[in-house]
């Protein structure tokens, strides 16, 4: 997903906290890797570390795809592409496929989910030339 990076604050080592804007909305995330410049436009991948709990951090929804902040958490709304018996679910958010591990997920996961992520991580997409 293409994002515009705004406020960048160093946290520790190579990790920074960034505020970003995307075609689906805005949020705050941990930036992993080489610290970007404020105002840079980057192609990124999103990751949600840890295990989230159904009914507390993950819900079925009818809302359209979006990224926003609510009560100090970044919320992602997207369409389920697949869900495994182990709770690992692939959610399409814009052009990105985000994997999330869900504890206590229902047997039949709704087609559209809202994820209230305690942490969202962004990684620069690197294109390798052979």
N, C-alpha and C. Protein backbone atom coordinates (compact mmCIF):
# COMPACT_ATOMS: atom_id res chain seq x y z
N UNK A 1 0.85 -1.16 0.00
CA UNK A 1 0.00 0.00 0.00
C UNK A 1 0.91 1.23 0.00
N UNK A 2 0.54 2.22 -0.75
CA UNK A 2 1.29 3.47 -0.81
C UNK A 2 0.83 4.35 0.36
N UNK A 3 1.78 4.85 1.16
CA UNK A 3 1.46 5.73 2.28
C UNK A 3 2.34 6.97 2.23
N UNK A 4 1.84 8.05 2.80
CA UNK A 4 2.59 9.29 3.00
C UNK A 4 2.92 9.32 4.49
N UNK A 5 4.20 9.47 4.81
CA UNK A 5 4.64 9.45 6.20
C UNK A 5 4.67 10.87 6.76
N UNK A 6 4.11 11.01 7.94
CA UNK A 6 4.09 12.30 8.62
C UNK A 6 4.93 12.17 9.88
N UNK A 7 4.54 12.70 10.97
CA UNK A 7 5.34 12.69 12.20
C UNK A 7 6.12 11.39 12.39
N UNK A 8 7.43 11.53 12.55
CA UNK A 8 8.29 10.37 12.79
C UNK A 8 9.05 10.61 14.09
N UNK A 9 8.88 9.69 15.03
CA UNK A 9 9.55 9.81 16.33
C UNK A 9 10.37 8.56 16.57
N UNK A 10 11.64 8.75 16.92
CA UNK A 10 12.52 7.61 17.21
C UNK A 10 12.10 6.98 18.53
N UNK A 11 12.02 5.68 18.57
CA UNK A 11 11.66 4.98 19.80
C UNK A 11 12.90 4.32 20.39
N UNK A 12 13.44 3.36 19.67
CA UNK A 12 14.65 2.67 20.12
C UNK A 12 15.30 1.99 18.94
N UNK A 13 16.61 1.95 18.92
CA UNK A 13 17.34 1.29 17.84
C UNK A 13 16.86 1.75 16.48
N UNK A 14 16.46 0.78 15.65
CA UNK A 14 16.00 1.12 14.31
C UNK A 14 14.48 1.23 14.24
N UNK A 15 13.80 1.22 15.40
CA UNK A 15 12.35 1.31 15.41
C UNK A 15 11.92 2.76 15.66
N UNK A 16 10.94 3.21 14.88
CA UNK A 16 10.39 4.54 15.03
C UNK A 16 8.86 4.43 15.02
N UNK A 17 8.20 5.44 15.55
CA UNK A 17 6.75 5.54 15.47
C UNK A 17 6.43 6.58 14.40
N UNK A 18 5.54 6.23 13.48
CA UNK A 18 5.18 7.14 12.39
C UNK A 18 3.68 7.32 12.32
N UNK A 19 3.28 8.49 11.92
CA UNK A 19 1.89 8.75 11.57
C UNK A 19 1.84 8.71 10.05
N UNK A 20 0.88 7.97 9.49
CA UNK A 20 0.83 7.81 8.04
C UNK A 20 -0.57 8.08 7.51
N UNK A 21 -0.61 8.40 6.23
CA UNK A 21 -1.86 8.65 5.53
C UNK A 21 -1.87 7.71 4.32
N UNK A 22 -3.01 7.08 4.06
CA UNK A 22 -3.14 6.15 2.94
C UNK A 22 -4.45 6.46 2.20
N UNK A 23 -4.68 5.80 1.07
CA UNK A 23 -5.95 6.00 0.36
C UNK A 23 -7.17 5.59 1.20
N UNK A 24 -6.96 4.74 2.23
CA UNK A 24 -8.08 4.28 3.06
C UNK A 24 -8.22 5.03 4.37
N UNK A 25 -7.28 5.94 4.67
CA UNK A 25 -7.35 6.68 5.92
C UNK A 25 -5.97 6.86 6.52
N UNK A 26 -5.93 7.08 7.82
CA UNK A 26 -4.65 7.37 8.48
C UNK A 26 -4.54 6.60 9.78
N UNK A 27 -3.31 6.56 10.32
CA UNK A 27 -3.08 5.89 11.59
C UNK A 27 -1.65 6.10 12.07
N UNK A 28 -1.34 5.46 13.18
CA UNK A 28 0.01 5.49 13.76
C UNK A 28 0.52 4.07 13.81
N UNK A 29 1.80 3.88 13.48
CA UNK A 29 2.36 2.53 13.44
C UNK A 29 3.83 2.56 13.83
N UNK A 30 4.36 1.38 14.13
CA UNK A 30 5.79 1.22 14.34
C UNK A 30 6.42 1.05 12.97
N UNK A 31 7.50 1.78 12.72
CA UNK A 31 8.24 1.62 11.48
C UNK A 31 9.44 0.75 11.78
N UNK A 32 9.57 -0.36 11.08
CA UNK A 32 10.70 -1.25 11.29
C UNK A 32 11.64 -1.15 10.09
N UNK A 33 12.90 -0.90 10.37
CA UNK A 33 13.88 -0.76 9.30
C UNK A 33 14.52 0.61 9.33
N UNK A 34 15.17 0.97 8.23
CA UNK A 34 15.85 2.25 8.13
C UNK A 34 14.83 3.38 8.26
N UNK A 35 15.13 4.31 9.16
CA UNK A 35 14.20 5.40 9.42
C UNK A 35 13.99 6.25 8.18
N UNK A 36 12.73 6.42 7.76
CA UNK A 36 12.43 7.24 6.58
C UNK A 36 12.42 8.73 6.94
N UNK A 37 12.36 9.56 5.93
CA UNK A 37 12.25 11.00 6.15
C UNK A 37 10.78 11.38 6.28
N UNK A 38 10.54 12.39 7.10
CA UNK A 38 9.18 12.91 7.23
C UNK A 38 8.72 13.45 5.88
N UNK A 39 7.48 13.14 5.52
CA UNK A 39 6.93 13.60 4.25
C UNK A 39 7.16 12.63 3.11
N UNK A 40 7.95 11.57 3.33
CA UNK A 40 8.24 10.60 2.27
C UNK A 40 7.00 9.81 1.91
N UNK A 41 6.92 9.43 0.65
CA UNK A 41 5.87 8.54 0.17
C UNK A 41 6.53 7.18 -0.04
N UNK A 42 5.97 6.13 0.57
CA UNK A 42 6.59 4.81 0.50
C UNK A 42 5.55 3.74 0.21
N UNK A 43 6.01 2.68 -0.46
CA UNK A 43 5.20 1.48 -0.65
C UNK A 43 5.51 0.58 0.53
N UNK A 44 4.50 0.20 1.33
CA UNK A 44 4.74 -0.55 2.56
C UNK A 44 3.88 -1.80 2.63
N UNK A 45 4.29 -2.70 3.52
CA UNK A 45 3.47 -3.84 3.93
C UNK A 45 3.10 -3.61 5.38
N UNK A 46 1.94 -4.11 5.78
CA UNK A 46 1.47 -3.97 7.15
C UNK A 46 1.52 -5.32 7.85
N UNK A 47 1.82 -5.29 9.16
CA UNK A 47 1.81 -6.51 9.97
C UNK A 47 1.20 -6.20 11.32
N UNK A 48 0.50 -7.17 11.86
CA UNK A 48 -0.08 -7.05 13.20
C UNK A 48 0.52 -8.17 14.04
N UNK A 49 1.45 -7.83 14.95
CA UNK A 49 2.09 -8.87 15.76
C UNK A 49 1.18 -9.37 16.88
N UNK A 50 1.44 -10.60 17.32
CA UNK A 50 0.71 -11.15 18.46
C UNK A 50 -0.60 -11.81 18.07
N UNK A 51 -1.29 -12.27 19.10
CA UNK A 51 -2.58 -12.95 18.93
C UNK A 51 -3.67 -11.99 19.39
N UNK A 52 -4.68 -11.79 18.56
CA UNK A 52 -5.81 -10.94 18.90
C UNK A 52 -6.99 -11.81 19.29
N UNK A 53 -7.90 -11.26 20.07
CA UNK A 53 -9.03 -12.04 20.59
C UNK A 53 -10.33 -11.63 19.91
N UNK A 54 -11.07 -12.65 19.44
CA UNK A 54 -12.37 -12.41 18.82
C UNK A 54 -13.30 -11.77 19.85
N UNK A 55 -14.01 -10.73 19.44
CA UNK A 55 -14.96 -10.05 20.31
C UNK A 55 -14.33 -8.93 21.13
N UNK A 56 -13.01 -8.90 21.24
CA UNK A 56 -12.33 -7.83 21.96
C UNK A 56 -11.53 -6.95 20.98
N UNK A 57 -10.78 -7.58 20.08
CA UNK A 57 -9.97 -6.82 19.12
C UNK A 57 -10.35 -7.09 17.67
N UNK A 58 -11.13 -8.13 17.44
CA UNK A 58 -11.57 -8.49 16.08
C UNK A 58 -13.06 -8.73 16.10
N UNK A 59 -13.77 -8.11 15.14
CA UNK A 59 -15.23 -8.20 15.07
C UNK A 59 -15.66 -8.32 13.63
N UNK A 60 -16.82 -8.90 13.41
CA UNK A 60 -17.45 -8.84 12.10
C UNK A 60 -18.02 -7.44 11.93
N UNK A 61 -18.06 -6.94 10.69
CA UNK A 61 -18.58 -5.59 10.43
C UNK A 61 -19.18 -5.53 9.03
N UNK A 62 -19.92 -4.49 8.79
CA UNK A 62 -20.46 -4.23 7.44
C UNK A 62 -19.86 -2.94 6.87
N UNK A 63 -18.91 -2.34 7.60
CA UNK A 63 -18.28 -1.11 7.14
C UNK A 63 -17.42 -1.37 5.91
N UNK A 64 -17.20 -0.33 5.12
CA UNK A 64 -16.31 -0.40 3.97
C UNK A 64 -14.86 -0.42 4.43
N UNK A 65 -13.97 -0.83 3.54
CA UNK A 65 -12.53 -0.84 3.84
C UNK A 65 -12.11 0.52 4.37
N UNK A 66 -11.29 0.51 5.42
CA UNK A 66 -10.86 1.77 6.01
C UNK A 66 -9.68 1.54 6.94
N UNK A 67 -8.96 2.62 7.22
CA UNK A 67 -7.93 2.66 8.25
C UNK A 67 -8.20 3.93 9.05
N UNK A 68 -8.30 3.80 10.38
CA UNK A 68 -8.54 4.96 11.23
C UNK A 68 -8.09 4.64 12.64
N UNK A 69 -8.06 5.64 13.49
CA UNK A 69 -7.71 5.42 14.90
C UNK A 69 -8.94 5.63 15.76
N UNK A 70 -9.02 4.79 16.81
CA UNK A 70 -10.14 4.86 17.74
C UNK A 70 -9.63 4.42 19.11
N UNK A 71 -9.79 5.27 20.09
CA UNK A 71 -9.38 4.96 21.47
C UNK A 71 -7.93 4.48 21.55
N UNK A 72 -7.04 5.15 20.81
CA UNK A 72 -5.62 4.85 20.87
C UNK A 72 -5.18 3.61 20.11
N UNK A 73 -6.05 3.04 19.31
CA UNK A 73 -5.69 1.87 18.51
C UNK A 73 -5.94 2.15 17.04
N UNK A 74 -5.11 1.55 16.20
CA UNK A 74 -5.34 1.65 14.76
C UNK A 74 -6.36 0.58 14.38
N UNK A 75 -7.36 0.97 13.64
CA UNK A 75 -8.40 0.05 13.20
C UNK A 75 -8.27 -0.18 11.70
N UNK A 76 -8.29 -1.44 11.31
CA UNK A 76 -8.27 -1.82 9.91
C UNK A 76 -9.57 -2.53 9.60
N UNK A 77 -10.21 -2.15 8.51
CA UNK A 77 -11.42 -2.83 8.07
C UNK A 77 -11.14 -3.41 6.70
N UNK A 78 -11.38 -4.71 6.55
CA UNK A 78 -11.10 -5.36 5.28
C UNK A 78 -11.89 -6.64 5.09
N UNK A 79 -11.70 -7.21 3.91
CA UNK A 79 -12.43 -8.42 3.51
C UNK A 79 -11.57 -9.65 3.78
N UNK A 80 -12.20 -10.68 4.36
CA UNK A 80 -11.51 -11.94 4.63
C UNK A 80 -11.26 -12.67 3.31
N UNK A 81 -10.01 -13.06 3.09
CA UNK A 81 -9.64 -13.84 1.90
C UNK A 81 -9.59 -15.32 2.23
N UNK A 82 -9.10 -15.68 3.41
CA UNK A 82 -9.15 -17.06 3.88
C UNK A 82 -8.92 -17.07 5.39
N UNK A 83 -9.38 -18.17 6.00
CA UNK A 83 -9.23 -18.33 7.44
C UNK A 83 -8.95 -19.80 7.72
N UNK A 84 -7.89 -20.06 8.51
CA UNK A 84 -7.52 -21.43 8.83
C UNK A 84 -8.12 -21.88 10.15
N UNK A 85 -8.11 -23.18 10.37
CA UNK A 85 -8.63 -23.75 11.62
C UNK A 85 -7.83 -23.29 12.83
N UNK A 86 -6.57 -22.89 12.61
CA UNK A 86 -5.70 -22.44 13.71
C UNK A 86 -5.93 -20.97 14.08
N UNK A 87 -6.89 -20.31 13.42
CA UNK A 87 -7.21 -18.92 13.72
C UNK A 87 -6.46 -17.92 12.88
N UNK A 88 -5.49 -18.36 12.08
CA UNK A 88 -4.77 -17.43 11.21
C UNK A 88 -5.69 -17.06 10.06
N UNK A 89 -5.86 -15.75 9.87
CA UNK A 89 -6.79 -15.23 8.88
C UNK A 89 -6.11 -14.19 8.02
N UNK A 90 -6.34 -14.24 6.71
CA UNK A 90 -5.81 -13.25 5.77
C UNK A 90 -6.92 -12.25 5.46
N UNK A 91 -6.63 -10.97 5.72
CA UNK A 91 -7.61 -9.92 5.51
C UNK A 91 -7.07 -8.95 4.46
N UNK A 92 -7.86 -8.70 3.41
CA UNK A 92 -7.48 -7.77 2.35
C UNK A 92 -7.86 -6.36 2.79
N UNK A 93 -6.84 -5.51 2.94
CA UNK A 93 -7.05 -4.10 3.30
C UNK A 93 -6.41 -3.29 2.18
N UNK A 94 -7.24 -2.74 1.30
CA UNK A 94 -6.71 -2.06 0.13
C UNK A 94 -5.97 -3.07 -0.72
N UNK A 95 -4.73 -2.73 -1.11
CA UNK A 95 -3.93 -3.63 -1.94
C UNK A 95 -3.13 -4.63 -1.11
N UNK A 96 -3.21 -4.54 0.22
CA UNK A 96 -2.42 -5.40 1.11
C UNK A 96 -3.22 -6.57 1.64
N UNK A 97 -2.49 -7.67 1.85
CA UNK A 97 -3.05 -8.84 2.51
C UNK A 97 -2.37 -8.90 3.88
N UNK A 98 -3.15 -8.71 4.94
CA UNK A 98 -2.64 -8.67 6.30
C UNK A 98 -3.02 -9.97 7.00
N UNK A 99 -2.01 -10.66 7.56
CA UNK A 99 -2.28 -11.87 8.32
C UNK A 99 -2.49 -11.51 9.78
N UNK A 100 -3.50 -12.10 10.38
CA UNK A 100 -3.78 -11.86 11.79
C UNK A 100 -4.13 -13.21 12.43
N UNK A 101 -3.59 -13.43 13.63
CA UNK A 101 -3.90 -14.64 14.37
C UNK A 101 -4.99 -14.30 15.38
N UNK A 102 -6.11 -15.04 15.32
CA UNK A 102 -7.28 -14.72 16.13
C UNK A 102 -7.58 -15.87 17.09
N UNK A 103 -7.58 -15.57 18.39
CA UNK A 103 -7.97 -16.55 19.40
C UNK A 103 -9.49 -16.54 19.53
N UNK A 104 -10.08 -17.70 19.74
CA UNK A 104 -11.53 -17.86 19.93
C UNK A 104 -12.35 -17.41 18.73
N UNK A 105 -11.78 -17.54 17.53
CA UNK A 105 -12.52 -17.16 16.32
C UNK A 105 -13.70 -18.10 16.12
N UNK A 106 -14.80 -17.59 15.59
CA UNK A 106 -15.95 -18.48 15.33
C UNK A 106 -15.61 -19.45 14.20
N UNK A 107 -16.34 -20.55 14.13
CA UNK A 107 -16.12 -21.53 13.07
C UNK A 107 -16.29 -20.94 11.69
N UNK A 108 -17.24 -20.04 11.55
CA UNK A 108 -17.49 -19.36 10.29
C UNK A 108 -17.19 -17.87 10.49
N UNK A 109 -16.03 -17.43 10.01
CA UNK A 109 -15.62 -16.04 10.17
C UNK A 109 -16.41 -15.19 9.17
N UNK A 110 -16.99 -14.06 9.62
CA UNK A 110 -17.74 -13.18 8.71
C UNK A 110 -16.85 -12.70 7.55
N UNK A 111 -17.46 -12.32 6.43
CA UNK A 111 -16.68 -11.92 5.25
C UNK A 111 -15.94 -10.59 5.40
N UNK A 112 -16.38 -9.74 6.32
CA UNK A 112 -15.76 -8.42 6.51
C UNK A 112 -15.41 -8.28 8.00
N UNK A 113 -14.15 -7.87 8.29
CA UNK A 113 -13.72 -7.74 9.68
C UNK A 113 -13.23 -6.33 10.01
N UNK A 114 -13.41 -5.97 11.28
CA UNK A 114 -12.76 -4.79 11.84
C UNK A 114 -11.73 -5.32 12.84
N UNK A 115 -10.49 -4.86 12.67
CA UNK A 115 -9.40 -5.25 13.56
C UNK A 115 -8.96 -4.01 14.32
N UNK A 116 -9.06 -4.05 15.65
CA UNK A 116 -8.59 -2.95 16.51
C UNK A 116 -7.22 -3.36 17.03
N UNK A 117 -6.20 -3.05 16.25
CA UNK A 117 -4.85 -3.55 16.53
C UNK A 117 -4.17 -2.79 17.68
N UNK A 118 -3.67 -3.52 18.68
CA UNK A 118 -2.90 -2.86 19.73
C UNK A 118 -1.60 -2.27 19.16
N UNK A 119 -1.05 -2.94 18.13
CA UNK A 119 0.15 -2.45 17.44
C UNK A 119 0.03 -2.77 15.95
N UNK A 120 0.42 -1.81 15.13
CA UNK A 120 0.51 -2.02 13.70
C UNK A 120 1.95 -1.73 13.32
N UNK A 121 2.53 -2.58 12.48
CA UNK A 121 3.90 -2.38 12.03
C UNK A 121 3.89 -2.15 10.53
N UNK A 122 4.78 -1.24 10.08
CA UNK A 122 4.96 -0.97 8.66
C UNK A 122 6.38 -1.35 8.28
N UNK A 123 6.51 -1.97 7.11
CA UNK A 123 7.81 -2.34 6.54
C UNK A 123 7.91 -1.77 5.14
N UNK A 124 9.06 -1.23 4.78
CA UNK A 124 9.33 -0.81 3.41
C UNK A 124 9.27 -2.01 2.50
N UNK A 125 8.61 -1.90 1.35
CA UNK A 125 8.64 -2.96 0.36
C UNK A 125 9.91 -2.80 -0.44
N UNK A 126 10.71 -3.85 -0.50
CA UNK A 126 12.00 -3.81 -1.20
C UNK A 126 11.88 -4.63 -2.47
N UNK A 127 12.25 -4.02 -3.57
CA UNK A 127 12.23 -4.73 -4.85
C UNK A 127 13.64 -5.20 -5.16
N UNK A 128 13.80 -6.49 -5.34
CA UNK A 128 15.12 -7.06 -5.63
C UNK A 128 15.30 -7.17 -7.13
N UNK A 129 16.44 -6.76 -7.61
CA UNK A 129 16.76 -6.85 -9.04
C UNK A 129 17.73 -8.01 -9.21
N UNK A 130 17.39 -8.95 -10.09
CA UNK A 130 18.26 -10.12 -10.31
C UNK A 130 19.32 -9.82 -11.34
